[in-house]
Amino acid sequence: MPTTEITPDPGTGTGTGTGHTTGITPDIAPDSTVAGLDRLETAAGPAVPRARRVFSVLWPKISAVVLALVLWQIVVWSGWKPTYVLPPPTKVFAELRDLVVTGTFWHSVGITMRRAAIGFAIALVIGSALGAVVSQSSIVRRAFGSFITGLQTMPSIVWFPFAILLFKLTESAILFVVVLGAAPAIANGLIFGVDHVPPLLVRAGRVLGARGFTLFRSVILPAALPSYVSGLKQGWAFAWRSLMAGELLVIVGNTASLGVRLDFARTMSDAPLLLAYMIVILIVGLCVDAVFGAIDRRVRRTRGLAA
């Protein structure tokens, strides 16, 4: 029976054999060792130009705006309402152009945004604290969980009679309703996020020695961040709606906020001015919502929850 002897070749590290079997030297390229998920991660496609990405994001929004303006103009042409009630877009945007170059307009925007910032900041503190306590205590959850959800579903405008009784016609009445409108949404966002933190992640944190507040701050809260940011975004929407309702109902001294300007245009039956202020209120709300949307997308992308 033939025998096989394999002797190493000191030059190449491969063996040479005698008999029926010879040494085989596999020719493996370095890149061929990358396979599976590693191959998927390294095989990135070509980078998309920034201008193309911006265009892909903006063109649906621009198309929607153009379509809305066209429909608006068609309704005006139909004669459904006289033009002093429903003016054409050109007249409204001419009024808007004249507004933005006046100092009183920006003063009104400043008053409204200051109220929005104060009210939302208070709601952020209260809602976050409430959500943290409820999410960590089963007793508190049974006592207040449904109550928080009920507050979130309650229309903010129904709080104003009570707020006026408490604070009279002051800015505090407006801020009171803004906080009541935003805080429950923020709390529920945090509660939902904590409820969906993987138990394995919590156990891993405990194994590493994290307990109590340290566990919540270092493990649970970062994992719940996507839902928490969504709650902040929803809380801002509630705060903005509550603020606009408050500025229409509660006139504070001589402060000419956006809501006061809007009500003044209604009193004067100035439809172009009224619609111009409505567009301003819409744009401000959309801009702040876009900021929260960008934060939300970034948080989800860093956690592998979005492409």
Protein backbone atom coordinates (compact mmCIF):
# COMPACT_ATOMS: atom_id res chain seq x y z
CA MET A 1 0.00 0.00 0.00
CA PRO A 2 1.56 3.30 -1.01
CA THR A 3 2.36 5.76 1.72
CA THR A 4 2.19 9.47 1.63
CA GLU A 5 4.71 11.78 3.18
CA ILE A 6 4.11 15.47 3.46
CA THR A 7 7.07 17.66 4.17
CA PRO A 8 6.73 21.36 4.89
CA ASP A 9 8.33 23.76 2.50
CA PRO A 10 10.18 26.33 4.60
CA GLY A 11 9.88 28.94 1.93
CA THR A 12 6.14 28.89 1.49
CA GLY A 13 4.83 27.12 4.56
CA THR A 14 3.08 24.52 2.35
CA GLY A 15 3.74 20.83 2.21
CA THR A 16 5.08 18.72 -0.63
CA GLY A 17 4.16 15.06 -0.63
CA THR A 18 5.41 11.90 -2.20
CA GLY A 19 3.10 9.15 -3.27
CA HIS A 20 -0.42 9.61 -4.39
CA THR A 21 -1.13 12.80 -2.41
CA THR A 22 0.45 16.17 -2.92
CA GLY A 23 0.26 19.33 -0.80
CA ILE A 24 -2.44 21.77 -1.80
CA THR A 25 -1.93 25.48 -1.31
CA PRO A 26 -5.29 27.32 -1.18
CA ASP A 27 -5.25 30.61 -3.02
CA ILE A 28 -7.44 32.79 -0.79
CA ALA A 29 -7.59 36.50 -1.34
CA PRO A 30 -7.81 38.66 1.80
CA ASP A 31 -11.20 40.09 0.80
CA SER A 32 -12.72 36.62 0.44
CA THR A 33 -12.67 36.14 4.22
CA VAL A 34 -15.34 38.83 4.52
CA ALA A 35 -18.69 37.14 4.25
CA GLY A 36 -22.21 37.14 5.64
CA LEU A 37 -23.26 40.27 7.47
CA ASP A 38 -19.71 41.68 7.23
CA ARG A 39 -19.99 41.58 3.45
CA LEU A 40 -23.35 43.37 3.62
CA GLU A 41 -21.89 46.09 5.81
CA THR A 42 -18.82 46.70 3.64
CA ALA A 43 -20.62 46.56 0.29
CA ALA A 44 -22.09 50.03 0.50
CA GLY A 45 -23.50 51.54 -2.61
CA PRO A 46 -22.33 54.77 -4.17
CA ALA A 47 -23.03 57.91 -2.18
CA VAL A 48 -26.09 59.84 -3.29
CA PRO A 49 -25.33 63.51 -4.05
CA ARG A 50 -26.60 65.89 -1.37
CA ALA A 51 -28.57 67.97 -3.88
CA ARG A 52 -30.40 64.86 -5.04
CA ARG A 53 -31.25 63.85 -1.47
CA VAL A 54 -32.58 67.33 -0.70
CA PHE A 55 -34.65 67.33 -3.87
CA SER A 56 -36.13 63.90 -3.08
CA VAL A 57 -37.24 65.21 0.31
CA LEU A 58 -38.56 68.58 -0.84
CA TRP A 59 -40.36 67.84 -4.08
CA PRO A 60 -43.36 66.03 -2.48
CA LYS A 61 -43.85 68.92 -0.04
CA ILE A 62 -43.52 71.54 -2.77
CA SER A 63 -45.94 69.61 -4.96
CA ALA A 64 -48.48 69.50 -2.12
CA VAL A 65 -48.19 73.27 -1.59
CA VAL A 66 -48.61 73.96 -5.30
CA LEU A 67 -51.64 71.66 -5.46
CA ALA A 68 -53.22 73.39 -2.46
CA LEU A 69 -52.70 76.82 -4.04
CA VAL A 70 -54.19 75.65 -7.33
CA LEU A 71 -57.26 74.23 -5.58
CA TRP A 72 -57.59 77.44 -3.57
CA GLN A 73 -57.54 79.53 -6.75
CA ILE A 74 -60.07 77.23 -8.43
CA VAL A 75 -62.46 77.66 -5.49
CA VAL A 76 -62.07 81.44 -5.75
CA TRP A 77 -62.78 81.33 -9.48
CA SER A 78 -65.87 79.21 -8.85
CA GLY A 79 -67.51 82.14 -7.10
CA TRP A 80 -68.47 80.04 -4.07
CA LYS A 81 -67.77 83.03 -1.79
CA PRO A 82 -67.14 86.69 -2.61
CA THR A 83 -63.48 87.69 -2.75
CA TYR A 84 -63.77 89.90 0.34
CA VAL A 85 -64.54 86.69 2.27
CA LEU A 86 -62.29 84.27 0.38
CA PRO A 87 -59.53 86.27 -1.34
CA PRO A 88 -57.22 84.72 -3.96
CA PRO A 89 -53.75 83.47 -2.97
CA THR A 90 -52.02 86.37 -4.71
CA LYS A 91 -53.77 88.92 -2.50
CA VAL A 92 -53.05 86.96 0.68
CA PHE A 93 -49.37 86.52 -0.09
CA ALA A 94 -49.07 90.20 -0.98
CA GLU A 95 -50.45 90.95 2.49
CA LEU A 96 -48.01 88.47 3.99
CA ARG A 97 -45.11 90.13 2.18
CA ASP A 98 -46.09 93.49 3.64
CA LEU A 99 -46.39 91.95 7.12
CA VAL A 100 -42.93 90.43 7.39
CA VAL A 101 -41.18 93.77 6.81
CA THR A 102 -42.86 95.44 9.79
CA GLY A 103 -41.44 95.50 13.31
CA THR A 104 -44.83 94.93 14.94
CA PHE A 105 -45.16 91.60 13.17
CA TRP A 106 -41.90 90.24 14.56
CA HIS A 107 -42.78 91.61 17.99
CA SER A 108 -45.98 89.56 17.87
CA VAL A 109 -44.06 86.46 16.77
CA GLY A 110 -41.65 87.00 19.66
CA ILE A 111 -44.47 87.19 22.24
CA THR A 112 -46.07 84.00 20.97
CA MET A 113 -42.80 82.06 20.74
CA ARG A 114 -41.80 83.15 24.25
CA ARG A 115 -45.06 81.79 25.62
CA ALA A 116 -44.63 78.59 23.64
CA ALA A 117 -41.09 78.09 24.95
CA ILE A 118 -42.05 78.73 28.59
CA GLY A 119 -45.15 76.54 28.46
CA PHE A 120 -43.40 73.69 26.69
CA ALA A 121 -40.41 73.83 29.06
CA ILE A 122 -42.70 73.54 32.09
CA ALA A 123 -44.61 70.71 30.41
CA LEU A 124 -41.32 68.97 29.61
CA VAL A 125 -40.24 68.97 33.26
CA ILE A 126 -43.64 67.89 34.61
CA GLY A 127 -44.33 65.33 31.89
CA SER A 128 -40.87 63.75 32.10
CA ALA A 129 -40.98 63.48 35.89
CA LEU A 130 -44.51 62.07 35.83
CA GLY A 131 -43.66 59.58 33.09
CA ALA A 132 -40.54 58.41 34.93
CA VAL A 133 -42.43 57.83 38.18
CA VAL A 134 -45.40 56.09 36.55
CA SER A 135 -43.20 53.85 34.41
CA GLN A 136 -41.22 52.64 37.44
CA SER A 137 -44.01 52.17 39.99
CA SER A 138 -46.87 49.74 39.43
CA ILE A 139 -48.89 51.34 42.24
CA VAL A 140 -48.58 54.83 40.77
CA ARG A 141 -49.39 53.42 37.32
CA ARG A 142 -52.61 51.85 38.57
CA ALA A 143 -53.54 55.10 40.28
CA PHE A 144 -52.66 57.64 37.59
CA GLY A 145 -52.03 55.79 34.30
CA SER A 146 -55.59 56.05 32.97
CA PHE A 147 -55.89 59.58 34.34
CA ILE A 148 -52.90 60.74 32.28
CA THR A 149 -54.37 59.20 29.13
CA GLY A 150 -57.70 60.88 29.87
CA LEU A 151 -56.01 64.26 30.19
CA GLN A 152 -54.30 63.73 26.84
CA THR A 153 -57.59 63.01 25.07
CA MET A 154 -59.36 65.96 26.68
CA PRO A 155 -59.64 69.01 24.37
CA SER A 156 -57.47 71.81 25.71
CA ILE A 157 -60.06 74.49 25.06
CA VAL A 158 -62.38 73.13 27.78
CA TRP A 159 -59.76 74.06 30.38
CA PHE A 160 -59.92 77.79 29.62
CA PRO A 161 -63.04 78.67 31.67
CA PHE A 162 -61.41 77.05 34.71
CA ALA A 163 -58.04 78.65 33.92
CA ILE A 164 -59.65 82.10 33.70
CA LEU A 165 -61.34 81.52 37.07
CA LEU A 166 -57.97 80.62 38.58
CA PHE A 167 -55.71 83.20 36.96
CA LYS A 168 -58.10 85.82 35.51
CA LEU A 169 -57.21 87.24 32.09
CA THR A 170 -53.46 86.82 32.51
CA GLU A 171 -50.67 85.04 30.72
CA SER A 172 -50.66 82.43 33.49
CA ALA A 173 -54.08 81.23 32.32
CA ILE A 174 -52.67 80.58 28.85
CA LEU A 175 -49.57 78.81 30.18
CA PHE A 176 -51.71 76.70 32.51
CA VAL A 177 -53.64 75.26 29.57
CA VAL A 178 -50.50 74.86 27.45
CA VAL A 179 -48.90 72.74 30.17
CA LEU A 180 -52.05 70.65 30.63
CA GLY A 181 -52.15 70.05 26.89
CA ALA A 182 -48.50 69.03 26.44
CA ALA A 183 -47.46 67.28 29.66
CA PRO A 184 -49.68 64.16 29.31
CA ALA A 185 -48.38 63.47 25.80
CA ILE A 186 -44.77 63.76 26.98
CA ALA A 187 -45.46 61.50 29.97
CA ASN A 188 -47.18 58.86 27.84
CA GLY A 189 -44.32 58.92 25.33
CA LEU A 190 -41.81 58.14 28.06
CA ILE A 191 -44.05 55.49 29.64
CA PHE A 192 -44.53 53.75 26.29
CA GLY A 193 -40.80 53.81 25.62
CA VAL A 194 -39.93 52.35 29.03
CA ASP A 195 -42.57 49.63 28.63
CA HIS A 196 -40.91 48.47 25.41
CA VAL A 197 -37.32 48.37 26.66
CA PRO A 198 -36.04 44.78 26.13
CA PRO A 199 -35.98 42.95 29.50
CA LEU A 200 -32.64 41.41 28.54
CA LEU A 201 -31.13 44.89 28.39
CA VAL A 202 -32.40 45.68 31.90
CA ARG A 203 -31.05 42.38 33.25
CA ALA A 204 -27.68 43.09 31.66
CA GLY A 205 -27.59 46.48 33.37
CA ARG A 206 -28.34 44.89 36.72
CA VAL A 207 -25.64 42.27 36.21
CA LEU A 208 -23.18 45.12 35.65
CA GLY A 209 -24.22 46.66 38.96
CA ALA A 210 -26.71 49.34 37.88
CA ARG A 211 -29.58 49.85 40.29
CA GLY A 212 -32.35 52.37 40.90
CA PHE A 213 -31.82 55.79 39.34
CA THR A 214 -28.50 54.75 37.81
CA LEU A 215 -30.21 51.89 35.96
CA PHE A 216 -32.97 54.21 34.74
CA ARG A 217 -30.57 56.95 33.63
CA SER A 218 -27.89 54.78 32.03
CA VAL A 219 -29.88 51.86 30.60
CA ILE A 220 -33.65 52.37 30.49
CA LEU A 221 -33.86 56.02 29.41
CA PRO A 222 -31.41 55.70 26.47
CA ALA A 223 -33.31 52.62 25.25
CA ALA A 224 -36.65 54.45 25.57
CA LEU A 225 -35.35 57.58 23.83
CA PRO A 226 -37.05 57.05 20.41
CA SER A 227 -40.52 56.84 21.96
CA TYR A 228 -39.70 59.68 24.34
CA VAL A 229 -38.73 61.96 21.44
CA SER A 230 -41.97 61.02 19.67
CA GLY A 231 -43.81 62.03 22.84
CA LEU A 232 -41.99 65.37 22.83
CA LYS A 233 -43.02 65.92 19.23
CA GLN A 234 -46.65 65.15 20.02
CA GLY A 235 -46.47 67.29 23.16
CA TRP A 236 -45.29 70.24 21.10
CA ALA A 237 -48.26 69.84 18.75
CA PHE A 238 -50.66 69.91 21.70
CA ALA A 239 -48.85 72.88 23.23
CA TRP A 240 -49.01 74.90 20.00
CA ARG A 241 -52.72 74.26 19.52
CA SER A 242 -53.44 75.12 23.15
CA LEU A 243 -51.43 78.33 22.86
CA MET A 244 -53.28 79.50 19.77
CA ALA A 245 -56.64 78.81 21.41
CA GLY A 246 -55.50 80.66 24.52
CA GLU A 247 -54.36 83.74 22.63
CA LEU A 248 -57.74 83.92 20.91
CA LEU A 249 -59.70 83.57 24.16
CA VAL A 250 -57.49 85.31 26.72
CA ILE A 251 -56.49 88.84 25.75
CA VAL A 252 -53.71 89.93 28.11
CA GLY A 253 -53.56 93.72 28.41
CA ASN A 254 -52.01 95.34 25.36
CA THR A 255 -49.88 92.37 24.30
CA ALA A 256 -50.33 91.93 20.56
CA SER A 257 -49.48 88.27 20.06
CA LEU A 258 -50.21 86.32 16.88
CA GLY A 259 -53.54 85.17 18.28
CA VAL A 260 -54.54 88.74 19.13
CA ARG A 261 -53.56 89.92 15.64
CA LEU A 262 -55.60 87.10 14.15
CA ASP A 263 -58.66 88.03 16.20
CA PHE A 264 -58.20 91.70 15.29
CA ALA A 265 -58.22 90.81 11.58
CA ARG A 266 -61.45 88.87 12.12
CA THR A 267 -63.01 91.84 13.93
CA MET A 268 -62.07 94.14 11.05
CA SER A 269 -63.35 91.58 8.48
CA ASP A 270 -59.94 91.76 6.80
CA ALA A 271 -59.81 88.33 5.17
CA PRO A 272 -56.39 88.74 3.46
CA LEU A 273 -54.78 89.79 6.75
CA LEU A 274 -56.55 87.00 8.65
CA LEU A 275 -55.39 84.33 6.21
CA ALA A 276 -51.87 85.78 6.20
CA TYR A 277 -51.65 85.35 9.98
CA MET A 278 -53.06 81.84 9.68
CA ILE A 279 -50.29 80.98 7.22
CA VAL A 280 -47.69 82.40 9.63
CA ILE A 281 -49.06 80.28 12.49
CA LEU A 282 -49.00 77.22 10.23
CA ILE A 283 -45.41 77.87 9.11
CA VAL A 284 -44.13 78.37 12.67
CA GLY A 285 -45.78 75.14 13.78
CA LEU A 286 -44.38 73.22 10.82
CA CYS A 287 -40.85 74.56 11.35
CA VAL A 288 -40.73 73.50 15.00
CA ASP A 289 -42.30 70.15 14.10
CA ALA A 290 -39.60 69.68 11.45
CA VAL A 291 -36.92 70.22 14.10
CA PHE A 292 -38.46 67.52 16.30
CA GLY A 293 -38.80 65.29 13.24
CA ALA A 294 -35.10 65.65 12.44
CA ILE A 295 -34.17 64.80 16.04
CA ASP A 296 -36.49 61.80 15.96
CA ARG A 297 -34.98 60.48 12.71
CA ARG A 298 -31.45 60.94 14.02
CA VAL A 299 -32.22 59.09 17.26
CA ARG A 300 -33.85 56.21 15.39
CA ARG A 301 -31.03 56.00 12.85
CA THR A 302 -28.33 55.87 15.53
CA ARG A 303 -30.22 52.98 17.16
CA GLY A 304 -30.73 51.06 13.93
CA LEU A 305 -34.48 51.69 13.85
CA ALA A 306 -34.47 53.59 10.53
CA ALA A 307 -32.63 53.32 7.25
